[in-house]
Protein backbone atom coordinates (compact mmCIF):
# COMPACT_ATOMS: atom_id res chain seq x y z
CA MET A 1 0.00 0.00 0.00
CA PHE A 2 1.24 3.46 -0.89
CA ALA A 3 1.54 5.86 2.00
CA ARG A 4 1.78 9.58 1.38
CA THR A 5 4.26 11.53 3.39
CA GLN A 6 3.55 14.99 4.69
CA ALA A 7 5.91 16.35 2.03
CA ASP A 8 3.86 14.62 -0.68
CA THR A 9 0.67 16.07 0.72
CA ASP A 10 2.20 19.53 0.96
CA ALA A 11 3.42 19.32 -2.65
CA VAL A 12 -0.03 18.35 -3.89
CA SER A 13 -1.60 21.18 -1.91
CA ALA A 14 0.96 23.67 -3.24
CA GLU A 15 0.30 22.57 -6.84
CA ARG A 16 -3.44 23.00 -6.34
CA GLU A 17 -2.95 26.45 -4.81
CA ILE A 18 -0.71 27.52 -7.71
CA LYS A 19 -3.39 26.45 -10.21
CA ILE A 20 -5.99 28.44 -8.29
CA ILE A 21 -3.79 31.53 -8.19
CA ASP A 22 -3.00 31.20 -11.91
CA GLY A 23 -6.73 31.05 -12.64
CA ILE A 24 -7.37 34.14 -10.55
CA LYS A 25 -4.59 36.03 -12.35
CA GLN A 26 -6.02 35.00 -15.72
CA SER A 27 -9.49 36.15 -14.65
CA ILE A 28 -8.13 39.51 -13.53
CA GLY A 29 -6.43 39.88 -16.92
CA ASP A 30 -9.64 38.97 -18.72
CA ALA A 31 -11.58 41.55 -16.73
CA ALA A 32 -8.94 44.23 -17.36
CA ALA A 33 -9.13 43.47 -21.11
CA GLY A 34 -12.92 43.71 -21.08
CA ARG A 35 -13.51 40.01 -21.67
CA VAL A 36 -16.46 39.84 -19.31
CA VAL A 37 -20.19 39.20 -19.46
CA PRO A 38 -22.50 41.74 -17.79
CA HIS A 39 -24.23 40.36 -14.69
CA GLU A 40 -27.70 40.84 -16.15
CA GLN A 41 -26.79 38.86 -19.28
CA ALA A 42 -25.18 36.06 -17.28
CA MET A 43 -28.21 35.74 -15.03
CA ALA A 44 -30.62 35.77 -17.98
CA GLU A 45 -28.65 32.96 -19.62
CA LEU A 46 -28.55 31.01 -16.36
CA TYR A 47 -32.29 31.32 -15.78
CA ALA A 48 -32.95 30.26 -19.40
CA VAL A 49 -30.90 27.08 -18.91
CA ILE A 50 -32.68 26.36 -15.62
CA GLY A 51 -36.06 26.92 -17.28
CA GLU A 52 -35.20 24.53 -20.10
CA ALA A 53 -34.06 21.88 -17.62
CA GLU A 54 -37.25 22.22 -15.59
CA GLU A 55 -39.36 21.69 -18.72
CA LYS A 56 -37.79 18.27 -19.33
């Protein structure tokens, strides 16, 4: 049986945190470049998808 050491666990956690931070940085860049969807549009699309799912 494979046993993880604390160092292994820490490395996995660090990798996950780095991916999260990279995603946040990308999102900030997207927002700064204007690559966003207005809240009202996003909510309208979300409610449309929910409505379609409820009809099934």
